[in-house]
N, C-alpha and C. Protein backbone atom coordinates (compact mmCIF):
# COMPACT_ATOMS: atom_id res chain seq x y z
N MET A 1 2.79 14.55 5.59
CA MET A 1 3.05 13.82 4.46
C MET A 1 2.04 12.75 4.13
N SER A 2 1.54 12.62 2.94
CA SER A 2 0.54 11.69 2.66
C SER A 2 1.05 10.33 2.46
N GLY A 3 0.19 9.29 2.43
CA GLY A 3 0.58 7.93 2.24
C GLY A 3 1.17 7.79 0.82
N LYS A 4 0.59 8.54 -0.12
CA LYS A 4 1.12 8.47 -1.49
C LYS A 4 2.50 8.94 -1.56
N GLU A 5 2.83 10.11 -0.85
CA GLU A 5 4.13 10.57 -0.87
C GLU A 5 5.12 9.57 -0.24
N VAL A 6 4.68 8.92 0.83
CA VAL A 6 5.60 7.87 1.51
C VAL A 6 5.86 6.79 0.53
N VAL A 7 4.89 6.29 -0.27
CA VAL A 7 5.04 5.24 -1.20
C VAL A 7 6.03 5.65 -2.31
N GLN A 8 5.86 6.89 -2.75
CA GLN A 8 6.74 7.41 -3.81
C GLN A 8 8.19 7.52 -3.37
N ILE A 9 8.39 8.00 -2.16
CA ILE A 9 9.71 8.12 -1.60
C ILE A 9 10.39 6.66 -1.45
N LEU A 10 9.62 5.73 -0.94
CA LEU A 10 10.12 4.38 -0.76
C LEU A 10 10.45 3.72 -2.16
N ARG A 11 9.65 3.99 -3.16
CA ARG A 11 9.87 3.40 -4.46
C ARG A 11 11.06 4.09 -5.25
N LYS A 12 11.40 5.25 -4.78
CA LYS A 12 12.56 5.94 -5.44
C LYS A 12 13.83 5.40 -4.83
N ASP A 13 13.87 4.76 -3.75
CA ASP A 13 14.97 4.27 -3.05
C ASP A 13 15.17 2.75 -3.38
N ARG A 14 16.23 2.50 -4.14
CA ARG A 14 16.48 1.10 -4.71
C ARG A 14 16.57 0.06 -3.50
N ARG A 15 16.89 0.52 -2.25
CA ARG A 15 16.95 -0.44 -1.25
C ARG A 15 15.67 -1.07 -0.93
N TYR A 16 14.61 -0.46 -1.29
CA TYR A 16 13.21 -0.97 -1.00
C TYR A 16 12.53 -1.64 -2.22
N ASP A 17 13.31 -1.98 -3.22
CA ASP A 17 12.78 -2.49 -4.45
C ASP A 17 12.06 -3.85 -4.25
N ASN A 18 12.50 -4.64 -3.29
CA ASN A 18 11.97 -5.97 -3.05
C ASN A 18 11.07 -6.08 -1.88
N ILE A 19 10.59 -4.96 -1.39
CA ILE A 19 9.56 -5.01 -0.32
C ILE A 19 8.14 -4.75 -0.90
N ASN A 20 7.16 -5.35 -0.21
CA ASN A 20 5.69 -5.03 -0.54
C ASN A 20 5.30 -3.90 0.25
N ILE A 21 4.53 -2.97 -0.18
CA ILE A 21 4.02 -1.83 0.54
C ILE A 21 2.60 -1.99 0.59
N LEU A 22 2.09 -2.25 1.77
CA LEU A 22 0.59 -2.33 2.08
C LEU A 22 0.11 -1.07 2.63
N VAL A 23 -0.86 -0.38 1.95
CA VAL A 23 -1.35 0.87 2.49
C VAL A 23 -2.64 0.60 3.16
N PHE A 24 -2.78 0.96 4.45
CA PHE A 24 -3.98 0.77 5.30
C PHE A 24 -4.51 2.01 5.59
N THR A 25 -5.61 2.37 5.01
CA THR A 25 -6.20 3.74 5.04
C THR A 25 -7.72 3.74 5.25
N ASN A 26 -8.23 4.83 5.83
CA ASN A 26 -9.60 5.01 5.78
C ASN A 26 -10.07 6.04 4.76
N MET A 27 -9.11 6.57 4.03
CA MET A 27 -9.41 7.58 2.96
C MET A 27 -9.20 6.90 1.66
N SER A 28 -9.94 5.89 1.38
CA SER A 28 -9.76 5.20 0.07
C SER A 28 -11.02 5.22 -0.65
N ASN A 29 -10.91 5.57 -2.02
CA ASN A 29 -11.84 5.45 -2.94
C ASN A 29 -11.22 4.90 -4.16
N ASP A 30 -11.95 4.66 -5.27
CA ASP A 30 -11.31 4.02 -6.41
C ASP A 30 -10.25 4.80 -6.99
N ILE A 31 -10.35 6.15 -7.04
CA ILE A 31 -9.29 7.05 -7.58
C ILE A 31 -8.15 7.04 -6.72
N MET A 32 -8.26 7.16 -5.36
CA MET A 32 -7.17 7.26 -4.46
C MET A 32 -6.39 5.83 -4.50
N SER A 33 -7.18 4.81 -4.53
CA SER A 33 -6.52 3.41 -4.70
C SER A 33 -5.68 3.28 -5.91
N GLU A 34 -6.22 3.73 -6.98
CA GLU A 34 -5.43 3.66 -8.22
C GLU A 34 -4.18 4.44 -8.21
N GLU A 35 -4.35 5.70 -7.57
CA GLU A 35 -3.14 6.60 -7.48
C GLU A 35 -2.08 5.84 -6.56
N LEU A 36 -2.44 5.35 -5.53
CA LEU A 36 -1.53 4.60 -4.67
C LEU A 36 -0.81 3.37 -5.31
N LEU A 37 -1.64 2.66 -6.10
CA LEU A 37 -1.17 1.54 -6.76
C LEU A 37 -0.10 2.02 -7.90
N ASN A 38 -0.54 3.10 -8.62
CA ASN A 38 0.41 3.59 -9.60
C ASN A 38 1.65 4.16 -9.02
N ALA A 39 1.57 4.64 -7.79
CA ALA A 39 2.85 5.18 -7.05
C ALA A 39 3.69 4.08 -6.67
N GLY A 40 3.16 2.76 -6.59
CA GLY A 40 4.04 1.69 -6.27
C GLY A 40 3.58 0.84 -5.05
N ALA A 41 2.37 1.13 -4.53
CA ALA A 41 1.88 0.31 -3.46
C ALA A 41 1.55 -1.02 -4.00
N SER A 42 1.78 -2.04 -3.18
CA SER A 42 1.48 -3.41 -3.53
C SER A 42 -0.05 -3.71 -3.38
N LYS A 43 -0.62 -3.09 -2.38
CA LYS A 43 -2.02 -3.34 -2.05
C LYS A 43 -2.65 -2.19 -1.30
N VAL A 44 -3.81 -1.78 -1.48
CA VAL A 44 -4.54 -0.76 -0.67
C VAL A 44 -5.64 -1.42 -0.04
N ILE A 45 -5.68 -1.29 1.30
CA ILE A 45 -6.72 -1.89 2.09
C ILE A 45 -7.43 -0.82 2.95
N THR A 46 -8.73 -0.78 2.93
CA THR A 46 -9.40 0.18 3.71
C THR A 46 -9.46 -0.30 5.20
N LYS A 47 -9.53 0.59 6.19
CA LYS A 47 -9.47 0.23 7.55
C LYS A 47 -10.72 -0.58 7.96
N ILE A 48 -11.80 -0.49 7.16
CA ILE A 48 -12.98 -1.25 7.48
C ILE A 48 -12.89 -2.68 7.04
N ASP A 49 -11.77 -3.11 6.29
CA ASP A 49 -11.60 -4.40 5.91
C ASP A 49 -10.42 -5.11 6.60
N ILE A 50 -10.65 -5.35 7.87
CA ILE A 50 -9.60 -6.03 8.67
C ILE A 50 -9.18 -7.33 8.07
N GLU A 51 -10.11 -8.08 7.76
CA GLU A 51 -9.86 -9.52 7.14
C GLU A 51 -8.95 -9.41 5.99
N ALA A 52 -9.13 -8.47 5.10
CA ALA A 52 -8.28 -8.31 3.99
C ALA A 52 -6.89 -7.97 4.35
N LEU A 53 -6.72 -7.10 5.39
CA LEU A 53 -5.43 -6.72 5.97
C LEU A 53 -4.69 -8.03 6.40
N ALA A 54 -5.34 -8.79 7.19
CA ALA A 54 -4.72 -10.06 7.68
C ALA A 54 -4.33 -10.97 6.58
N THR A 55 -5.23 -11.10 5.57
CA THR A 55 -4.95 -12.10 4.52
C THR A 55 -3.74 -11.58 3.76
N ASN A 56 -3.60 -10.27 3.44
CA ASN A 56 -2.53 -9.79 2.66
C ASN A 56 -1.24 -9.75 3.38
N ILE A 57 -1.22 -9.54 4.69
CA ILE A 57 -0.08 -9.64 5.44
C ILE A 57 0.56 -11.09 5.41
N LYS A 58 -0.30 -12.04 5.58
CA LYS A 58 0.07 -13.42 5.57
C LYS A 58 0.69 -13.76 4.16
N GLN A 59 -0.09 -13.29 3.08
CA GLN A 59 0.37 -13.60 1.66
C GLN A 59 1.70 -13.00 1.42
N PHE A 60 2.02 -11.81 1.82
CA PHE A 60 3.32 -11.13 1.54
C PHE A 60 4.46 -11.60 2.35
N MET A 61 4.12 -12.16 3.55
CA MET A 61 5.11 -12.63 4.47
C MET A 61 5.49 -14.07 4.06
N GLY A 62 4.76 -14.68 3.24
CA GLY A 62 5.09 -16.09 2.69
C GLY A 62 4.56 -17.05 3.51
């Protein structure tokens, strides 16, 4: 199952309407990032950008 499929499944389930979905991937280009965001991801972070991952986790956790 791809990350995009996971995001789509989570977004179809109303129980997860209020959660942020961070996608942490090494398979990211502009097209894939846009597809993930359109599927409902809150943020797409490449595995080479650890600092962005930490920043976004802190932001979404409040």
